[in-house]
Amino acid sequence: MRMEDLDPPREEAGAAQRILDSLSAHGLDWDGPTLWQSQRLEAYADTVQELLDQQLAFRCDCSRARLLGQENIYRGRCRSRQIANSTAAAVRVIVSDDSVIELVDRLQAPLTQNLAEELGDFIVRRKDQLFAYQLAVVLDDAYQGVTQVLRGSDLYDSTPRQIYLQRLLGLPTPGYAHIPVITNNAGQKLSKQTHAPALDDNKALANLKLALRFLGQPAPSAECQQVDQLLVEAVANWQLQAVPAVPGIPETALY
């Protein structure tokens, strides 16, 4: 279990504990102690410094206004600049010109991304000193021994950046499968940003049945009247190839 609590200004008080409680209510238990990214800041800082020392990254004080009109591609403006440590600056990883990443996903279509042409040097530590998701997830996957990543398809396009960092840092690349996310009628992922209602933990059994249907899995047998029973049967009958690749709206709300 990993709690990705790296952005305090956006965190809602009590939300992390509600997530853990909700997982438990739905029978989704985990092995070992919970890893909180907010307690791993030293490891992230050490890696950023290592990248700077090896001249694999640089400090950048560019504002969003300065980067407007560049098609969201960072062109390396600050690579050769000497920016004082006292200046508020982000840290960007240098993306080499031959940085073509090929991702073969177990669910999504293969993705080939030329990071230099499509993205440019990307941020691993923000100007406000908060660490980027791309860096933290790479370090924590390796730290926790993660070999298979199953997550939402909204993170699919960012995976090549993680693979690039894994190679740069000499870390293993896990296998990936990106499942569809549930959306509202406007095509937006259900989340706190889109004001989606919280999951009702009192309807755990019904929620799991609906989730399995959304993921294209066989319907549970009539004997499954408890969460634990349903999960055992769902694991036994799991068919990854039946999972749809695109986001969608469930037939019935999960809340």
C-alpha atoms as a PDB file:
ATOM      1  CA  MET A   1       0.000   0.000   0.000  1.00  0.00           C
ATOM      2  CA  ARG A   2       1.302   3.426  -0.971  1.00  0.00           C
ATOM      3  CA  MET A   3      -0.305   6.762  -0.187  1.00  0.00           C
ATOM      4  CA  GLU A   4       0.822   9.381  -2.690  1.00  0.00           C
ATOM      5  CA  ASP A   5       0.526  12.449  -0.463  1.00  0.00           C
ATOM      6  CA  LEU A   6       3.033  14.738  -2.135  1.00  0.00           C
ATOM      7  CA  ASP A   7       0.880  17.816  -2.717  1.00  0.00           C
ATOM      8  CA  PRO A   8      -0.224  19.225   0.674  1.00  0.00           C
ATOM      9  CA  PRO A   9      -2.038  22.295  -0.782  1.00  0.00           C
ATOM     10  CA  ARG A  10      -4.429  19.967  -2.639  1.00  0.00           C
ATOM     11  CA  GLU A  11      -4.951  17.428   0.132  1.00  0.00           C
ATOM     12  CA  GLU A  12      -8.275  17.305   1.921  1.00  0.00           C
ATOM     13  CA  ALA A  13      -8.128  16.701   5.670  1.00  0.00           C
ATOM     14  CA  GLY A  14      -9.019  13.110   6.500  1.00  0.00           C
ATOM     15  CA  ALA A  15      -9.159  11.986   2.857  1.00  0.00           C
ATOM     16  CA  ALA A  16      -6.221   9.584   3.138  1.00  0.00           C
ATOM     17  CA  GLN A  17      -7.760   7.707   6.058  1.00  0.00           C
ATOM     18  CA  ARG A  18     -11.105   7.546   4.256  1.00  0.00           C
ATOM     19  CA  ILE A  19      -9.375   5.898   1.299  1.00  0.00           C
ATOM     20  CA  LEU A  20      -7.811   3.270   3.549  1.00  0.00           C
ATOM     21  CA  ASP A  21     -11.133   2.665   5.321  1.00  0.00           C
ATOM     22  CA  SER A  22     -12.951   2.342   2.006  1.00  0.00           C
ATOM     23  CA  LEU A  23     -10.464  -0.209   0.686  1.00  0.00           C
ATOM     24  CA  SER A  24     -10.871  -2.262   3.843  1.00  0.00           C
ATOM     25  CA  ALA A  25     -14.670  -2.081   3.617  1.00  0.00           C
ATOM     26  CA  HIS A  26     -14.450  -3.509   0.089  1.00  0.00           C
ATOM     27  CA  GLY A  27     -12.182  -6.360   1.180  1.00  0.00           C
ATOM     28  CA  LEU A  28      -9.150  -4.946  -0.612  1.00  0.00           C
ATOM     29  CA  ASP A  29      -6.453  -5.636   1.964  1.00  0.00           C
ATOM     30  CA  TRP A  30      -2.725  -5.153   1.485  1.00  0.00           C
ATOM     31  CA  ASP A  31       0.579  -6.655   2.553  1.00  0.00           C
ATOM     32  CA  GLY A  32       2.978  -4.921   4.925  1.00  0.00           C
ATOM     33  CA  PRO A  33       2.907  -1.389   6.330  1.00  0.00           C
ATOM     34  CA  THR A  34       1.574   1.571   4.371  1.00  0.00           C
ATOM     35  CA  LEU A  35       4.237   3.667   2.634  1.00  0.00           C
ATOM     36  CA  TRP A  36       3.550   7.404   2.785  1.00  0.00           C
ATOM     37  CA  GLN A  37       5.377   9.394   0.143  1.00  0.00           C
ATOM     38  CA  SER A  38       5.515  12.373   2.500  1.00  0.00           C
ATOM     39  CA  GLN A  39       7.924  10.302   4.603  1.00  0.00           C
ATOM     40  CA  ARG A  40      10.214   9.611   1.629  1.00  0.00           C
ATOM     41  CA  LEU A  41      11.239  13.206   0.901  1.00  0.00           C
ATOM     42  CA  GLU A  42      14.880  12.595   1.776  1.00  0.00           C
ATOM     43  CA  ALA A  43      15.159   9.806  -0.788  1.00  0.00           C
ATOM     44  CA  TYR A  44      13.634  12.018  -3.475  1.00  0.00           C
ATOM     45  CA  ALA A  45      15.913  14.929  -2.558  1.00  0.00           C
ATOM     46  CA  ASP A  46      19.004  12.714  -2.693  1.00  0.00           C
ATOM     47  CA  THR A  47      18.084  11.508  -6.179  1.00  0.00           C
ATOM     48  CA  VAL A  48      17.459  15.030  -7.459  1.00  0.00           C
ATOM     49  CA  GLN A  49      20.850  16.104  -6.121  1.00  0.00           C
ATOM     50  CA  GLU A  50      22.460  13.054  -7.727  1.00  0.00           C
ATOM     51  CA  LEU A  51      20.952  14.007 -11.095  1.00  0.00           C
ATOM     52  CA  LEU A  52      22.214  17.570 -10.698  1.00  0.00           C
ATOM     53  CA  ASP A  53      25.697  16.433  -9.665  1.00  0.00           C
ATOM     54  CA  GLN A  54      25.928  14.146 -12.697  1.00  0.00           C
ATOM     55  CA  GLN A  55      24.702  16.975 -14.948  1.00  0.00           C
ATOM     56  CA  LEU A  56      21.677  14.921 -15.924  1.00  0.00           C
ATOM     57  CA  ALA A  57      19.366  17.658 -14.667  1.00  0.00           C
ATOM     58  CA  PHE A  58      19.400  21.440 -14.263  1.00  0.00           C
ATOM     59  CA  ARG A  59      17.654  24.243 -12.406  1.00  0.00           C
ATOM     60  CA  CYS A  60      15.037  26.201 -14.333  1.00  0.00           C
ATOM     61  CA  ASP A  61      13.314  29.431 -13.297  1.00  0.00           C
ATOM     62  CA  CYS A  62      11.065  29.733 -16.369  1.00  0.00           C
ATOM     63  CA  SER A  63       7.523  30.889 -15.648  1.00  0.00           C
ATOM     64  CA  ARG A  64       4.455  29.521 -17.396  1.00  0.00           C
ATOM     65  CA  ALA A  65       4.066  32.854 -19.143  1.00  0.00           C
ATOM     66  CA  ARG A  66       7.601  32.575 -20.534  1.00  0.00           C
ATOM     67  CA  LEU A  67       6.868  29.114 -21.913  1.00  0.00           C
ATOM     68  CA  LEU A  68       3.610  30.083 -23.615  1.00  0.00           C
ATOM     69  CA  GLY A  69       3.581  29.435 -27.341  1.00  0.00           C
ATOM     70  CA  GLN A  70       6.002  26.516 -27.166  1.00  0.00           C
ATOM     71  CA  GLU A  71       3.303  23.842 -27.628  1.00  0.00           C
ATOM     72  CA  ASN A  72       3.965  22.535 -24.100  1.00  0.00           C
ATOM     73  CA  ILE A  73       7.433  21.406 -25.211  1.00  0.00           C
ATOM     74  CA  TYR A  74      10.375  22.585 -23.121  1.00  0.00           C
ATOM     75  CA  ARG A  75      13.179  23.593 -25.473  1.00  0.00           C
ATOM     76  CA  GLY A  76      16.049  23.562 -22.970  1.00  0.00           C
ATOM     77  CA  ARG A  77      16.223  27.310 -22.345  1.00  0.00           C
ATOM     78  CA  CYS A  78      17.897  26.966 -18.935  1.00  0.00           C
ATOM     79  CA  ARG A  79      20.196  24.022 -19.649  1.00  0.00           C
ATOM     80  CA  SER A  80      23.330  26.146 -19.884  1.00  0.00           C
ATOM     81  CA  ARG A  81      22.298  28.880 -17.441  1.00  0.00           C
ATOM     82  CA  GLN A  82      23.780  29.146 -13.960  1.00  0.00           C
ATOM     83  CA  ILE A  83      20.867  29.769 -11.592  1.00  0.00           C
ATOM     84  CA  ALA A  84      21.686  30.518  -7.970  1.00  0.00           C
ATOM     85  CA  ASN A  85      20.391  28.181  -5.306  1.00  0.00           C
ATOM     86  CA  SER A  86      18.721  31.159  -3.664  1.00  0.00           C
ATOM     87  CA  THR A  87      16.503  31.620  -6.722  1.00  0.00           C
ATOM     88  CA  ALA A  88      13.147  29.836  -6.799  1.00  0.00           C
ATOM     89  CA  ALA A  89      13.611  27.251  -9.510  1.00  0.00           C
ATOM     90  CA  ALA A  90      12.328  23.899 -10.653  1.00  0.00           C
ATOM     91  CA  VAL A  91      14.625  20.995 -11.502  1.00  0.00           C
ATOM     92  CA  ARG A  92      14.273  19.448 -14.951  1.00  0.00           C
ATOM     93  CA  VAL A  93      15.769  16.219 -16.260  1.00  0.00           C
ATOM     94  CA  ILE A  94      17.712  16.545 -19.489  1.00  0.00           C
ATOM     95  CA  VAL A  95      15.959  14.560 -22.217  1.00  0.00           C
ATOM     96  CA  SER A  96      18.433  13.316 -24.802  1.00  0.00           C
ATOM     97  CA  ASP A  97      17.772  13.806 -28.498  1.00  0.00           C
ATOM     98  CA  ASP A  98      17.414  10.045 -29.065  1.00  0.00           C
ATOM     99  CA  SER A  99      14.896   9.522 -26.267  1.00  0.00           C
ATOM    100  CA  VAL A 100      12.344   7.384 -28.112  1.00  0.00           C
ATOM    101  CA  ILE A 101      10.412   5.256 -25.617  1.00  0.00           C
ATOM    102  CA  GLU A 102       8.334   2.294 -26.751  1.00  0.00           C
ATOM    103  CA  LEU A 103       5.676   1.085 -24.317  1.00  0.00           C
ATOM    104  CA  VAL A 104       3.903  -2.238 -24.807  1.00  0.00           C
ATOM    105  CA  ASP A 105       0.893  -2.258 -22.510  1.00  0.00           C
ATOM    106  CA  ARG A 106      -1.166  -5.334 -21.672  1.00  0.00           C
ATOM    107  CA  LEU A 107      -4.408  -3.488 -22.434  1.00  0.00           C
ATOM    108  CA  GLN A 108      -3.750  -0.309 -24.392  1.00  0.00           C
ATOM    109  CA  ALA A 109      -2.405   0.020 -27.916  1.00  0.00           C
ATOM    110  CA  PRO A 110       1.412   0.180 -28.123  1.00  0.00           C
ATOM    111  CA  LEU A 111       2.753   3.681 -27.551  1.00  0.00           C
ATOM    112  CA  THR A 112       5.897   5.175 -29.077  1.00  0.00           C
ATOM    113  CA  GLN A 113       6.859   8.576 -27.708  1.00  0.00           C
ATOM    114  CA  ASN A 114       9.796  10.759 -28.680  1.00  0.00           C
ATOM    115  CA  LEU A 115      10.245  12.666 -25.445  1.00  0.00           C
ATOM    116  CA  ALA A 116      12.595  15.248 -26.944  1.00  0.00           C
ATOM    117  CA  GLU A 117      10.182  16.198 -29.718  1.00  0.00           C
ATOM    118  CA  GLU A 118       6.896  15.780 -27.846  1.00  0.00           C
ATOM    119  CA  LEU A 119       7.751  16.946 -24.341  1.00  0.00           C
ATOM    120  CA  GLY A 120      11.306  18.126 -23.814  1.00  0.00           C
ATOM    121  CA  ASP A 121      13.119  18.354 -20.475  1.00  0.00           C
ATOM    122  CA  PHE A 122      10.548  17.560 -17.799  1.00  0.00           C
ATOM    123  CA  ILE A 123      10.244  18.545 -14.146  1.00  0.00           C
ATOM    124  CA  VAL A 124      11.225  16.245 -11.275  1.00  0.00           C
ATOM    125  CA  ARG A 125      11.032  18.909  -8.568  1.00  0.00           C
ATOM    126  CA  ARG A 126       8.707  21.854  -8.849  1.00  0.00           C
ATOM    127  CA  LYS A 127       9.568  25.486  -8.228  1.00  0.00           C
ATOM    128  CA  ASP A 128       7.689  25.284  -4.903  1.00  0.00           C
ATOM    129  CA  GLN A 129      10.086  22.445  -3.928  1.00  0.00           C
ATOM    130  CA  LEU A 130       7.406  19.740  -4.157  1.00  0.00           C
ATOM    131  CA  PHE A 131       8.572  16.572  -5.905  1.00  0.00           C
ATOM    132  CA  ALA A 132       6.944  15.507  -9.145  1.00  0.00           C
ATOM    133  CA  TYR A 133       4.823  12.374  -9.367  1.00  0.00           C
ATOM    134  CA  GLN A 134       7.066  11.052 -12.155  1.00  0.00           C
ATOM    135  CA  LEU A 135      10.120  10.938  -9.891  1.00  0.00           C
ATOM    136  CA  ALA A 136       8.407   9.702  -6.733  1.00  0.00           C
ATOM    137  CA  VAL A 137       6.538   6.850  -8.392  1.00  0.00           C
ATOM    138  CA  VAL A 138       9.685   5.594 -10.125  1.00  0.00           C
ATOM    139  CA  LEU A 139      11.707   5.578  -6.916  1.00  0.00           C
ATOM    140  CA  ASP A 140       8.905   4.028  -4.872  1.00  0.00           C
ATOM    141  CA  ASP A 141       8.121   1.288  -7.404  1.00  0.00           C
ATOM    142  CA  ALA A 142      11.750   0.200  -7.173  1.00  0.00           C
ATOM    143  CA  TYR A 143      11.868   0.631  -3.373  1.00  0.00           C
ATOM    144  CA  GLN A 144       8.748  -1.485  -2.877  1.00  0.00           C
ATOM    145  CA  GLY A 145       9.762  -4.136  -5.407  1.00  0.00           C
ATOM    146  CA  VAL A 146       6.799  -3.495  -7.702  1.00  0.00           C
ATOM    147  CA  THR A 147       6.934  -5.758 -10.772  1.00  0.00           C
ATOM    148  CA  GLN A 148       3.442  -5.205 -12.244  1.00  0.00           C
ATOM    149  CA  VAL A 149       1.572  -1.905 -12.425  1.00  0.00           C
ATOM    150  CA  LEU A 150      -2.197  -1.940 -12.957  1.00  0.00           C
ATOM    151  CA  ARG A 151      -3.628   1.581 -12.942  1.00  0.00           C
ATOM    152  CA  GLY A 152      -5.971   3.992 -14.700  1.00  0.00           C
ATOM    153  CA  SER A 153      -5.627   4.786 -18.380  1.00  0.00           C
ATOM    154  CA  ASP A 154      -5.433   8.505 -17.551  1.00  0.00           C
ATOM    155  CA  LEU A 155      -1.792   7.855 -16.572  1.00  0.00           C
ATOM    156  CA  TYR A 156      -0.900   6.002 -19.760  1.00  0.00           C
ATOM    157  CA  ASP A 157       0.664   8.932 -21.645  1.00  0.00           C
ATOM    158  CA  SER A 158       2.962   9.782 -18.708  1.00  0.00           C
ATOM    159  CA  THR A 159       4.477   6.277 -18.528  1.00  0.00           C
ATOM    160  CA  PRO A 160       7.279   6.930 -21.071  1.00  0.00           C
ATOM    161  CA  ARG A 161       8.656   9.617 -18.747  1.00  0.00           C
ATOM    162  CA  GLN A 162       8.812   7.068 -15.950  1.00  0.00           C
ATOM    163  CA  ILE A 163      10.555   4.534 -18.172  1.00  0.00           C
ATOM    164  CA  TYR A 164      13.072   7.215 -19.168  1.00  0.00           C
ATOM    165  CA  LEU A 165      13.820   7.941 -15.505  1.00  0.00           C
ATOM    166  CA  GLN A 166      14.092   4.230 -14.707  1.00  0.00           C
ATOM    167  CA  ARG A 167      16.731   3.831 -17.388  1.00  0.00           C
ATOM    168  CA  LEU A 168      18.540   6.995 -16.317  1.00  0.00           C
ATOM    169  CA  LEU A 169      18.695   5.803 -12.701  1.00  0.00           C
ATOM    170  CA  GLY A 170      19.426   2.146 -13.494  1.00  0.00           C
ATOM    171  CA  LEU A 171      16.127   0.933 -12.046  1.00  0.00           C
ATOM    172  CA  PRO A 172      13.977  -1.960 -13.332  1.00  0.00           C
ATOM    173  CA  THR A 173      10.930  -1.302 -15.498  1.00  0.00           C
ATOM    174  CA  PRO A 174       7.787  -3.104 -14.324  1.00  0.00           C
ATOM    175  CA  GLY A 175       5.105  -4.481 -16.630  1.00  0.00           C
ATOM    176  CA  TYR A 176       2.173  -2.137 -17.262  1.00  0.00           C
ATOM    177  CA  ALA A 177      -1.565  -2.517 -17.801  1.00  0.00           C
ATOM    178  CA  HIS A 178      -3.751   0.589 -17.897  1.00  0.00           C
ATOM    179  CA  ILE A 179      -7.443  -0.045 -17.246  1.00  0.00           C
ATOM    180  CA  PRO A 180     -10.256   2.339 -18.240  1.00  0.00           C
ATOM    181  CA  VAL A 181     -11.358   4.998 -15.785  1.00  0.00           C
ATOM    182  CA  ILE A 182     -14.990   5.671 -14.945  1.00  0.00           C
ATOM    183  CA  THR A 183     -16.253   8.986 -16.268  1.00  0.00           C
ATOM    184  CA  ASN A 184     -19.280  11.224 -15.898  1.00  0.00           C
ATOM    185  CA  ASN A 185     -21.563  12.254 -18.758  1.00  0.00           C
ATOM    186  CA  ALA A 186     -19.103  14.983 -19.748  1.00  0.00           C
ATOM    187  CA  GLY A 187     -16.311  12.430 -20.189  1.00  0.00           C
ATOM    188  CA  GLN A 188     -14.471  13.581 -17.057  1.00  0.00           C
ATOM    189  CA  LYS A 189     -12.877  11.048 -14.723  1.00  0.00           C
ATOM    190  CA  LEU A 190     -14.787  10.663 -11.479  1.00  0.00           C
ATOM    191  CA  SER A 191     -12.622  12.395  -8.886  1.00  0.00           C
ATOM    192  CA  LYS A 192     -12.659  15.112  -6.242  1.00  0.00           C
ATOM    193  CA  GLN A 193     -11.685  17.616  -8.967  1.00  0.00           C
ATOM    194  CA  THR A 194     -14.951  16.871 -10.792  1.00  0.00           C
ATOM    195  CA  HIS A 195     -16.912  16.854  -7.512  1.00  0.00           C
ATOM    196  CA  ALA A 196     -17.829  13.186  -7.743  1.00  0.00           C
ATOM    197  CA  PRO A 197     -19.666  11.852  -4.663  1.00  0.00           C
ATOM    198  CA  ALA A 198     -17.687   9.623  -2.323  1.00  0.00           C
ATOM    199  CA  LEU A 199     -17.947   5.857  -2.600  1.00  0.00           C
ATOM    200  CA  ASP A 200     -20.625   4.431  -0.287  1.00  0.00           C
ATOM    201  CA  ASP A 201     -18.842   1.852   1.865  1.00  0.00           C
ATOM    202  CA  ASN A 202     -22.206   0.495   3.035  1.00  0.00           C
ATOM    203  CA  LYS A 203     -22.794  -0.779  -0.511  1.00  0.00           C
ATOM    204  CA  ALA A 204     -19.469  -2.602  -0.872  1.00  0.00           C
ATOM    205  CA  LEU A 205     -20.911  -5.809  -2.332  1.00  0.00           C
ATOM    206  CA  ALA A 206     -23.019  -3.943  -4.891  1.00  0.00           C
ATOM    207  CA  ASN A 207     -20.105  -1.649  -5.757  1.00  0.00           C
ATOM    208  CA  LEU A 208     -17.821  -4.599  -6.474  1.00  0.00           C
ATOM    209  CA  LYS A 209     -20.427  -6.269  -8.680  1.00  0.00           C
ATOM    210  CA  LEU A 210     -20.842  -3.079 -10.692  1.00  0.00           C
ATOM    211  CA  ALA A 211     -17.078  -2.640 -10.969  1.00  0.00           C
ATOM    212  CA  LEU A 212     -16.655  -6.167 -12.284  1.00  0.00           C
ATOM    213  CA  ARG A 213     -19.397  -5.552 -14.853  1.00  0.00           C
ATOM    214  CA  PHE A 214     -17.725  -2.312 -15.937  1.00  0.00           C
ATOM    215  CA  LEU A 215     -14.436  -4.220 -16.380  1.00  0.00           C
ATOM    216  CA  GLY A 216     -16.113  -6.846 -18.576  1.00  0.00           C
ATOM    217  CA  GLN A 217     -15.750  -9.666 -16.054  1.00  0.00           C
ATOM    218  CA  PRO A 218     -18.122 -12.625 -15.537  1.00  0.00           C
ATOM    219  CA  ALA A 219     -21.063 -11.947 -13.244  1.00  0.00           C
ATOM    220  CA  PRO A 220     -20.601 -13.355  -9.726  1.00  0.00           C
ATOM    221  CA  SER A 221     -22.646 -16.428  -8.843  1.00  0.00           C
ATOM    222  CA  ALA A 222     -25.770 -16.105  -6.705  1.00  0.00           C
ATOM    223  CA  GLU A 223     -23.869 -17.704  -3.812  1.00  0.00           C
ATOM    224  CA  CYS A 224     -21.656 -14.620  -3.476  1.00  0.00           C
ATOM    225  CA  GLN A 225     -23.405 -12.707  -0.725  1.00  0.00           C
ATOM    226  CA  GLN A 226     -20.270 -11.544   1.089  1.00  0.00           C
ATOM    227  CA  VAL A 227     -17.433  -9.326  -0.079  1.00  0.00           C
ATOM    228  CA  ASP A 228     -14.757 -11.950   0.644  1.00  0.00           C
ATOM    229  CA  GLN A 229     -16.673 -14.614  -1.303  1.00  0.00           C
ATOM    230  CA  LEU A 230     -17.098 -12.345  -4.281  1.00  0.00           C
ATOM    231  CA  LEU A 231     -13.431 -11.402  -4.402  1.00  0.00           C
ATOM    232  CA  VAL A 232     -12.274 -15.030  -4.268  1.00  0.00           C
ATOM    233  CA  GLU A 233     -14.553 -15.889  -7.177  1.00  0.00           C
ATOM    234  CA  ALA A 234     -13.604 -12.754  -9.115  1.00  0.00           C
ATOM    235  CA  VAL A 235      -9.896 -13.557  -8.837  1.00  0.00           C
ATOM    236  CA  ALA A 236     -10.487 -17.142  -9.990  1.00  0.00           C
ATOM    237  CA  ASN A 237     -12.487 -15.962 -13.032  1.00  0.00           C
ATOM    238  CA  TRP A 238     -10.424 -12.873 -13.877  1.00  0.00           C
ATOM    239  CA  GLN A 239      -9.996 -12.298 -17.627  1.00  0.00           C
ATOM    240  CA  LEU A 240      -7.643  -9.440 -18.428  1.00  0.00           C
ATOM    241  CA  GLN A 241      -8.359  -9.692 -22.144  1.00  0.00           C
ATOM    242  CA  ALA A 242     -12.019  -8.873 -21.450  1.00  0.00           C
ATOM    243  CA  VAL A 243     -11.254  -5.495 -19.872  1.00  0.00           C
ATOM    244  CA  PRO A 244     -12.204  -2.621 -22.222  1.00  0.00           C
ATOM    245  CA  ALA A 245      -9.406  -0.232 -23.152  1.00  0.00           C
ATOM    246  CA  VAL A 246     -11.339   3.032 -23.254  1.00  0.00           C
ATOM    247  CA  PRO A 247     -12.908   5.067 -20.437  1.00  0.00           C
ATOM    248  CA  GLY A 248     -16.636   4.880 -20.016  1.00  0.00           C
ATOM    249  CA  ILE A 249     -19.739   5.414 -17.908  1.00  0.00           C
ATOM    250  CA  PRO A 250     -20.949   2.472 -15.795  1.00  0.00           C
ATOM    251  CA  GLU A 251     -24.497   1.232 -16.293  1.00  0.00           C
ATOM    252  CA  THR A 252     -25.299   2.123 -12.687  1.00  0.00           C
ATOM    253  CA  ALA A 253     -23.590   4.639 -10.413  1.00  0.00           C
ATOM    254  CA  LEU A 254     -21.077   3.273  -7.920  1.00  0.00           C
ATOM    255  CA  TYR A 255     -22.250   5.636  -5.187  1.00  0.00           C
END
